[in-house]
PDB file of N, CA and C in Angstrom:
ATOM      1  N   MET A   1      49.423-100.750  94.085  1.00  0.00           N
ATOM      2  CA  MET A   1      48.742-100.276  92.604  1.00  0.00           C
ATOM      3  C   MET A   1      49.528-100.006  91.550  1.00  0.00           C
ATOM      4  N   ASP A   2      49.445-100.434  90.365  1.00  0.00           N
ATOM      5  CA  ASP A   2      50.361 -99.540  89.930  1.00  0.00           C
ATOM      6  C   ASP A   2      49.480 -99.187  88.891  1.00  0.00           C
ATOM      7  N   ARG A   3      50.300 -98.443  87.564  1.00  0.00           N
ATOM      8  CA  ARG A   3      49.747 -97.403  87.300  1.00  0.00           C
ATOM      9  C   ARG A   3      48.462 -97.769  86.165  1.00  0.00           C
ATOM     10  N   SER A   4      48.474 -98.726  85.706  1.00  0.00           N
ATOM     11  CA  SER A   4      47.270 -99.711  85.121  1.00  0.00           C
ATOM     12  C   SER A   4      45.646 -99.459  86.114  1.00  0.00           C
ATOM     13  N   GLY A   5      46.230 -99.437  87.249  1.00  0.00           N
ATOM     14  CA  GLY A   5      45.490-100.333  88.399  1.00  0.00           C
ATOM     15  C   GLY A   5      45.009 -98.652  88.772  1.00  0.00           C
ATOM     16  N   LEU A   6      46.213 -97.864  89.001  1.00  0.00           N
ATOM     17  CA  LEU A   6      45.655 -96.528  88.706  1.00  0.00           C
ATOM     18  C   LEU A   6      44.210 -95.483  87.673  1.00  0.00           C
ATOM     19  N   ILE A   7      45.105 -95.709  86.897  1.00  0.00           N
ATOM     20  CA  ILE A   7      44.365 -95.287  85.847  1.00  0.00           C
ATOM     21  C   ILE A   7      42.526 -95.981  85.960  1.00  0.00           C
ATOM     22  N   GLU A   8      42.544 -96.899  86.067  1.00  0.00           N
ATOM     23  CA  GLU A   8      41.142 -97.876  86.512  1.00  0.00           C
ATOM     24  C   GLU A   8      40.442 -97.628  87.310  1.00  0.00           C
ATOM     25  N   ALA A   9      41.272 -97.009  88.654  1.00  0.00           N
ATOM     26  CA  ALA A   9      40.232 -96.573  89.862  1.00  0.00           C
ATOM     27  C   ALA A   9      39.985 -95.378  89.488  1.00  0.00           C
ATOM     28  N   VAL A  10      40.810 -94.386  89.149  1.00  0.00           N
ATOM     29  CA  VAL A  10      40.666 -92.394  88.693  1.00  0.00           C
ATOM     30  C   VAL A  10      39.441 -93.061  87.882  1.00  0.00           C
ATOM     31  N   GLY A  11      39.033 -93.616  86.720  1.00  0.00           N
ATOM     32  CA  GLY A  11      38.140 -94.237  86.047  1.00  0.00           C
ATOM     33  C   GLY A  11      36.607 -94.284  86.797  1.00  0.00           C
ATOM     34  N   ARG A  12      37.047 -95.050  87.578  1.00  0.00           N
ATOM     35  CA  ARG A  12      35.624 -95.614  88.403  1.00  0.00           C
ATOM     36  C   ARG A  12      35.389 -94.236  89.009  1.00  0.00           C
ATOM     37  N   LYS A  13      36.049 -93.443  89.815  1.00  0.00           N
ATOM     38  CA  LYS A  13      36.079 -92.931  90.750  1.00  0.00           C
ATOM     39  C   LYS A  13      35.298 -91.207  89.522  1.00  0.00           C
ATOM     40  N   THR A  14      35.931 -91.101  88.623  1.00  0.00           N
ATOM     41  CA  THR A  14      35.412 -90.070  87.839  1.00  0.00           C
ATOM     42  C   THR A  14      33.589 -89.965  86.746  1.00  0.00           C
ATOM     43  N   THR A  15      33.586 -90.971  86.971  1.00  0.00           N
ATOM     44  CA  THR A  15      32.662 -91.451  85.826  1.00  0.00           C
ATOM     45  C   THR A  15      30.752 -90.543  86.115  1.00  0.00           C
ATOM     46  N   GLU A  16      30.396 -90.123  87.646  1.00  0.00           N
ATOM     47  CA  GLU A  16      29.372 -89.228  87.720  1.00  0.00           C
ATOM     48  C   GLU A  16      29.447 -88.174  87.107  1.00  0.00           C
ATOM     49  N   GLY A  17      30.391 -87.460  86.853  1.00  0.00           N
ATOM     50  CA  GLY A  17      30.273 -85.681  85.570  1.00  0.00           C
ATOM     51  C   GLY A  17      30.387 -86.432  84.211  1.00  0.00           C
ATOM     52  N   GLY A  18      30.481 -87.612  84.072  1.00  0.00           N
ATOM     53  CA  GLY A  18      30.146 -88.474  82.545  1.00  0.00           C
ATOM     54  C   GLY A  18      32.347 -89.103  82.569  1.00  0.00           C
ATOM     55  N   GLU A  19      32.454 -90.234  82.003  1.00  0.00           N
ATOM     56  CA  GLU A  19      32.882 -90.948  81.962  1.00  0.00           C
ATOM     57  C   GLU A  19      34.804 -90.172  81.172  1.00  0.00           C
ATOM     58  N   VAL A  20      35.700 -90.253  81.963  1.00  0.00           N
ATOM     59  CA  VAL A  20      37.005 -90.287  81.363  1.00  0.00           C
ATOM     60  C   VAL A  20      38.077 -91.042  80.932  1.00  0.00           C
ATOM     61  N   PRO A  21      38.214 -90.916  79.416  1.00  0.00           N
ATOM     62  CA  PRO A  21      38.533 -92.376  78.933  1.00  0.00           C
ATOM     63  C   PRO A  21      40.017 -92.422  79.653  1.00  0.00           C
ATOM     64  N   ALA A  22      40.776 -93.541  79.516  1.00  0.00           N
ATOM     65  CA  ALA A  22      41.189 -94.008  80.378  1.00  0.00           C
ATOM     66  C   ALA A  22      42.250 -93.412  79.562  1.00  0.00           C
ATOM     67  N   ASP A  23      42.837 -92.612  78.500  1.00  0.00           N
ATOM     68  CA  ASP A  23      43.958 -92.412  77.853  1.00  0.00           C
ATOM     69  C   ASP A  23      44.315 -90.746  78.367  1.00  0.00           C
ATOM     70  N   GLN A  24      42.839 -90.022  78.903  1.00  0.00           N
ATOM     71  CA  GLN A  24      43.366 -88.872  79.049  1.00  0.00           C
ATOM     72  C   GLN A  24      43.204 -89.292  80.434  1.00  0.00           C
ATOM     73  N   ILE A  25      43.362 -89.785  81.463  1.00  0.00           N
ATOM     74  CA  ILE A  25      43.933 -90.152  82.721  1.00  0.00           C
ATOM     75  C   ILE A  25      45.002 -90.639  83.126  1.00  0.00           C
ATOM     76  N   GLY A  26      45.630 -91.527  81.563  1.00  0.00           N
ATOM     77  CA  GLY A  26      46.892 -91.922  81.804  1.00  0.00           C
ATOM     78  C   GLY A  26      47.523 -90.620  81.145  1.00  0.00           C
ATOM     79  N   ARG A  27      47.087 -89.735  80.386  1.00  0.00           N
ATOM     80  CA  ARG A  27      48.390 -88.917  80.178  1.00  0.00           C
ATOM     81  C   ARG A  27      48.304 -87.464  81.649  1.00  0.00           C
ATOM     82  N   VAL A  28      47.611 -87.705  82.519  1.00  0.00           N
ATOM     83  CA  VAL A  28      47.187 -86.952  83.330  1.00  0.00           C
ATOM     84  C   VAL A  28      48.275 -87.490  84.310  1.00  0.00           C
ATOM     85  N   VAL A  29      48.283 -88.542  84.816  1.00  0.00           N
ATOM     86  CA  VAL A  29      49.042 -89.538  85.274  1.00  0.00           C
ATOM     87  C   VAL A  29      50.665 -88.771  85.181  1.00  0.00           C
ATOM     88  N   ASP A  30      51.128 -89.499  83.844  1.00  0.00           N
ATOM     89  CA  ASP A  30      52.170 -89.194  83.403  1.00  0.00           C
ATOM     90  C   ASP A  30      52.568 -87.869  83.436  1.00  0.00           C
ATOM     91  N   ALA A  31      51.574 -86.785  83.231  1.00  0.00           N
ATOM     92  CA  ALA A  31      52.185 -85.392  83.551  1.00  0.00           C
ATOM     93  C   ALA A  31      52.644 -85.056  85.153  1.00  0.00           C
ATOM     94  N   LEU A  32      51.448 -85.661  86.008  1.00  0.00           N
ATOM     95  CA  LEU A  32      52.197 -85.428  87.219  1.00  0.00           C
ATOM     96  C   LEU A  32      53.663 -86.273  88.030  1.00  0.00           C
ATOM     97  N   PHE A  33      53.282 -87.707  87.716  1.00  0.00           N
ATOM     98  CA  PHE A  33      53.917 -88.425  88.198  1.00  0.00           C
ATOM     99  C   PHE A  33      55.176 -88.832  87.237  1.00  0.00           C
ATOM    100  N   GLY A  34      55.331 -88.523  85.849  1.00  0.00           N
ATOM    101  CA  GLY A  34      56.266 -88.744  84.940  1.00  0.00           C
ATOM    102  C   GLY A  34      56.407 -90.382  84.374  1.00  0.00           C
ATOM    103  N   THR A  35      57.445 -90.278  83.331  1.00  0.00           N
ATOM    104  CA  THR A  35      57.499 -91.574  82.950  1.00  0.00           C
ATOM    105  C   THR A  35      59.266 -91.552  83.075  1.00  0.00           C
ATOM    106  N   VAL A  36      59.508 -92.592  82.433  1.00  0.00           N
ATOM    107  CA  VAL A  36      60.798 -93.243  82.319  1.00  0.00           C
ATOM    108  C   VAL A  36      61.551 -92.036  81.650  1.00  0.00           C
ATOM    109  N   ALA A  37      60.855 -91.585  80.899  1.00  0.00           N
ATOM    110  CA  ALA A  37      61.259 -90.474  79.387  1.00  0.00           C
ATOM    111  C   ALA A  37      61.241 -89.098  79.402  1.00  0.00           C
ATOM    112  N   GLU A  38      60.528 -88.588  80.857  1.00  0.00           N
ATOM    113  CA  GLU A  38      60.309 -87.439  81.203  1.00  0.00           C
ATOM    114  C   GLU A  38      59.676 -87.360  82.394  1.00  0.00           C
ATOM    115  N   ALA A  39      60.257 -85.907  83.205  1.00  0.00           N
ATOM    116  CA  ALA A  39      59.731 -85.806  84.569  1.00  0.00           C
ATOM    117  C   ALA A  39      58.395 -85.528  84.525  1.00  0.00           C
ATOM    118  N   GLY A  40      57.860 -86.219  85.710  1.00  0.00           N
ATOM    119  CA  GLY A  40      56.236 -85.200  85.445  1.00  0.00           C
ATOM    120  C   GLY A  40      56.624 -83.701  86.695  1.00  0.00           C
ATOM    121  N   VAL A  41      55.473 -83.032  86.743  1.00  0.00           N
ATOM    122  CA  VAL A  41      55.577 -81.760  87.266  1.00  0.00           C
ATOM    123  C   VAL A  41      55.855 -81.940  89.046  1.00  0.00           C
ATOM    124  N   ILE A  42      55.538 -82.382  89.572  1.00  0.00           N
ATOM    125  CA  ILE A  42      55.832 -83.100  90.609  1.00  0.00           C
ATOM    126  C   ILE A  42      57.404 -83.035  90.878  1.00  0.00           C
ATOM    127  N   ALA A  43      58.228 -83.979  90.535  1.00  0.00           N
ATOM    128  CA  ALA A  43      59.633 -84.386  90.264  1.00  0.00           C
ATOM    129  C   ALA A  43      60.531 -83.176  89.876  1.00  0.00           C
ATOM    130  N   GLU A  44      59.670 -82.174  88.772  1.00  0.00           N
ATOM    131  CA  GLU A  44      60.371 -80.737  88.447  1.00  0.00           C
ATOM    132  C   GLU A  44      60.124 -80.101  89.826  1.00  0.00           C
ATOM    133  N   ALA A  45      59.031 -79.838  90.169  1.00  0.00           N
ATOM    134  CA  ALA A  45      59.044 -78.853  91.571  1.00  0.00           C
ATOM    135  C   ALA A  45      59.977 -79.714  92.716  1.00  0.00           C
ATOM    136  N   LEU A  46      59.858 -80.424  93.034  1.00  0.00           N
ATOM    137  CA  LEU A  46      61.010 -80.599  94.065  1.00  0.00           C
ATOM    138  C   LEU A  46      62.516 -80.470  93.411  1.00  0.00           C
ATOM    139  N   ARG A  47      62.801 -80.723  92.303  1.00  0.00           N
ATOM    140  CA  ARG A  47      64.471 -80.889  92.213  1.00  0.00           C
ATOM    141  C   ARG A  47      64.577 -79.069  92.078  1.00  0.00           C
ATOM    142  N   ALA A  48      63.156 -77.945  91.657  1.00  0.00           N
ATOM    143  CA  ALA A  48      63.522 -76.252  91.488  1.00  0.00           C
ATOM    144  C   ALA A  48      63.522 -76.712  93.148  1.00  0.00           C
ATOM    145  N   GLY A  49      63.398 -77.089  94.198  1.00  0.00           N
ATOM    146  CA  GLY A  49      63.842 -75.843  95.703  1.00  0.00           C
ATOM    147  C   GLY A  49      62.058 -76.572  96.005  1.00  0.00           C
ATOM    148  N   ARG A  50      60.969 -76.695  95.172  1.00  0.00           N
ATOM    149  CA  ARG A  50      59.508 -76.416  96.097  1.00  0.00           C
ATOM    150  C   ARG A  50      58.933 -77.974  96.115  1.00  0.00           C
ATOM    151  N   ALA A  51      58.299 -77.488  97.357  1.00  0.00           N
ATOM    152  CA  ALA A  51      57.684 -78.427  97.768  1.00  0.00           C
ATOM    153  C   ALA A  51      55.710 -78.551  96.720  1.00  0.00           C
ATOM    154  N   VAL A  52      55.108 -79.822  96.854  1.00  0.00           N
ATOM    155  CA  VAL A  52      53.882 -79.891  96.380  1.00  0.00           C
ATOM    156  C   VAL A  52      52.792 -80.294  97.106  1.00  0.00           C
ATOM    157  N   THR A  53      52.180 -79.651  97.624  1.00  0.00           N
ATOM    158  CA  THR A  53      51.008 -79.534  99.006  1.00  0.00           C
ATOM    159  C   THR A  53      49.756 -79.814  98.001  1.00  0.00           C
ATOM    160  N   LEU A  54      48.937 -81.309  98.267  1.00  0.00           N
ATOM    161  CA  LEU A  54      47.843 -81.566  97.992  1.00  0.00           C
ATOM    162  C   LEU A  54      47.014 -81.598  99.112  1.00  0.00           C
ATOM    163  N   VAL A  55      46.359 -80.062  99.701  1.00  0.00           N
ATOM    164  CA  VAL A  55      45.942 -80.359 100.169  1.00  0.00           C
ATOM    165  C   VAL A  55      45.069 -81.226 101.506  1.00  0.00           C
ATOM    166  N   GLY A  56      45.125 -82.178 102.788  1.00  0.00           N
ATOM    167  CA  GLY A  56      44.153 -83.094 103.194  1.00  0.00           C
ATOM    168  C   GLY A  56      45.126 -84.382 102.538  1.00  0.00           C
ATOM    169  N   PHE A  57      45.868 -84.147 101.193  1.00  0.00           N
ATOM    170  CA  PHE A  57      46.652 -85.581 100.717  1.00  0.00           C
ATOM    171  C   PHE A  57      47.812 -85.419 101.631  1.00  0.00           C
ATOM    172  N   GLY A  58      48.431 -84.632 101.140  1.00  0.00           N
ATOM    173  CA  GLY A  58      49.998 -84.418 101.799  1.00  0.00           C
ATOM    174  C   GLY A  58      50.660 -83.457 100.932  1.00  0.00           C
ATOM    175  N   SER A  59      52.096 -83.680 101.146  1.00  0.00           N
ATOM    176  CA  SER A  59      53.193 -82.915 100.495  1.00  0.00           C
ATOM    177  C   SER A  59      54.018 -83.734 100.319  1.00  0.00           C
ATOM    178  N   PHE A  60      54.616 -83.311  99.004  1.00  0.00           N
ATOM    179  CA  PHE A  60      55.526 -84.151  98.314  1.00  0.00           C
ATOM    180  C   PHE A  60      57.162 -83.004  98.787  1.00  0.00           C
ATOM    181  N   HIS A  61      58.177 -83.592  99.025  1.00  0.00           N
ATOM    182  CA  HIS A  61      59.044 -82.429  99.630  1.00  0.00           C
ATOM    183  C   HIS A  61      60.828 -83.104  99.345  1.00  0.00           C
ATOM    184  N   ASP A  62      61.690 -82.474  99.250  1.00  0.00           N
ATOM    185  CA  ASP A  62      63.001 -83.079  98.631  1.00  0.00           C
ATOM    186  C   ASP A  62      63.979 -82.887 100.064  1.00  0.00           C
ATOM    187  N   VAL A  63      64.057 -83.983 101.036  1.00  0.00           N
ATOM    188  CA  VAL A  63      64.725 -84.365 101.883  1.00  0.00           C
ATOM    189  C   VAL A  63      66.191 -84.791 101.818  1.00  0.00           C
ATOM    190  N   GLY A  64      67.153 -84.187 101.729  1.00  0.00           N
ATOM    191  CA  GLY A  64      68.041 -84.524 101.360  1.00  0.00           C
ATOM    192  C   GLY A  64      68.827 -85.283 100.288  1.00  0.00           C
ATOM    193  N   GLY A  65      67.906 -84.626  99.422  1.00  0.00           N
ATOM    194  CA  GLY A  65      68.243 -85.398  97.964  1.00  0.00           C
ATOM    195  C   GLY A  65      67.189 -86.545  97.297  1.00  0.00           C
ATOM    196  N   LYS A  66      66.050 -86.591  98.615  1.00  0.00           N
ATOM    197  CA  LYS A  66      65.272 -87.950  98.073  1.00  0.00           C
ATOM    198  C   LYS A  66      63.980 -87.367  98.450  1.00  0.00           C
ATOM    199  N   ALA A  67      62.813 -87.890  97.704  1.00  0.00           N
ATOM    200  CA  ALA A  67      61.606 -87.170  97.446  1.00  0.00           C
ATOM    201  C   ALA A  67      60.636 -88.356  98.782  1.00  0.00           C
ATOM    202  N   SER A  68      60.004 -87.523  99.558  1.00  0.00           N
ATOM    203  CA  SER A  68      59.298 -87.731 100.222  1.00  0.00           C
ATOM    204  C   SER A  68      58.074 -87.699 100.653  1.00  0.00           C
ATOM    205  N   LEU A  69      56.921 -87.866 100.984  1.00  0.00           N
ATOM    206  CA  LEU A  69      55.795 -87.993 101.253  1.00  0.00           C
ATOM    207  C   LEU A  69      55.336 -87.659 102.848  1.00  0.00           C
ATOM    208  N   ARG A  70      54.957 -86.525 103.005  1.00  0.00           N
ATOM    209  CA  ARG A  70      54.466 -85.945 104.109  1.00  0.00           C
ATOM    210  C   ARG A  70      52.775 -86.075 104.008  1.00  0.00           C
ATOM    211  N   PRO A  71      52.262 -86.948 104.624  1.00  0.00           N
ATOM    212  CA  PRO A  71      50.729 -87.374 104.712  1.00  0.00           C
ATOM    213  C   PRO A  71      50.150 -86.216 105.204  1.00  0.00           C
ATOM    214  N   GLY A  72      48.849 -85.990 104.743  1.00  0.00           N
ATOM    215  CA  GLY A  72      47.923 -84.935 105.728  1.00  0.00           C
ATOM    216  C   GLY A  72      47.151 -85.433 106.031  1.00  0.00           C
ATOM    217  N   LYS A  73      46.708 -84.286 106.968  1.00  0.00           N
ATOM    218  CA  LYS A  73      45.749 -85.162 108.275  1.00  0.00           C
ATOM    219  C   LYS A  73      44.643 -85.886 107.487  1.00  0.00           C
ATOM    220  N   ALA A  74      44.028 -85.542 106.170  1.00  0.00           N
ATOM    221  CA  ALA A  74      42.398 -86.556 106.348  1.00  0.00           C
ATOM    222  C   ALA A  74      42.643 -87.885 105.759  1.00  0.00           C
ATOM    223  N   LEU A  75      44.505 -87.924 104.960  1.00  0.00           N
ATOM    224  CA  LEU A  75      44.918 -88.914 104.475  1.00  0.00           C
ATOM    225  C   LEU A  75      45.661 -89.800 105.762  1.00  0.00           C
ATOM    226  N   ASP A  76      46.329 -89.100 106.446  1.00  0.00           N
ATOM    227  CA  ASP A  76      46.179 -90.109 107.590  1.00  0.00           C
ATOM    228  C   ASP A  76      45.550 -90.661 108.722  1.00  0.00           C
ATOM    229  N   GLU A  77      44.594 -89.874 108.700  1.00  0.00           N
ATOM    230  CA  GLU A  77      43.008 -90.583 109.467  1.00  0.00           C
ATOM    231  C   GLU A  77      42.495 -91.371 108.607  1.00  0.00           C
ATOM    232  N   PHE A  78      42.279 -91.458 107.299  1.00  0.00           N
ATOM    233  CA  PHE A  78      41.683 -92.200 106.162  1.00  0.00           C
ATOM    234  C   PHE A  78      42.326 -93.638 107.007  1.00  0.00           C
ATOM    235  N   ILE A  79      43.623 -93.623 106.870  1.00  0.00           N
ATOM    236  CA  ILE A  79      44.473 -95.484 107.095  1.00  0.00           C
ATOM    237  C   ILE A  79      44.396 -95.900 107.649  1.00  0.00           C
ATOM    238  N   HIS A  80      44.498 -94.897 108.929  1.00  0.00           N
ATOM    239  CA  HIS A  80      44.258 -95.151 110.380  1.00  0.00           C
ATOM    240  C   HIS A  80      42.774 -95.487 110.954  1.00  0.00           C
ATOM    241  N   ASP A  81      41.985 -95.289 110.187  1.00  0.00           N
ATOM    242  CA  ASP A  81      40.475 -95.216 110.283  1.00  0.00           C
ATOM    243  C   ASP A  81      40.073 -94.365 111.316  1.00  0.00           C
ATOM    244  N   ARG A  82      40.198 -93.214 111.455  1.00  0.00           N
ATOM    245  CA  ARG A  82      39.797 -92.227 112.211  1.00  0.00           C
ATOM    246  C   ARG A  82      39.032 -91.475 111.991  1.00  0.00           C
ATOM    247  N   ALA A  83      38.747 -91.516 110.406  1.00  0.00           N
ATOM    248  CA  ALA A  83      38.313 -90.444 109.402  1.00  0.00           C
ATOM    249  C   ALA A  83      36.601 -90.247 110.244  1.00  0.00           C
ATOM    250  N   GLY A  84      35.967 -88.822 110.319  1.00  0.00           N
ATOM    251  CA  GLY A  84      35.089 -88.973 110.865  1.00  0.00           C
ATOM    252  C   GLY A  84      34.214 -90.080 111.114  1.00  0.00           C
TER     253      GLY A  84
END
């Protein structure tokens, strides 16, 4: 899934409380993950030596100078079809 696909998928998931415009979703995606021109908040936290943890999804860490995602239990179970 690329950036556009992610924005579309998030748009579909967020329609219950009212539609969120794609440009707003795009700004949030860019703020989290960054762009070519500017780092996102996850990259900035990793550079500062901090992990970013999203409970259930996982934790982003700097491992030897490389970004790494340690999947959370809920994500791991979903991927391996072991969820409730």
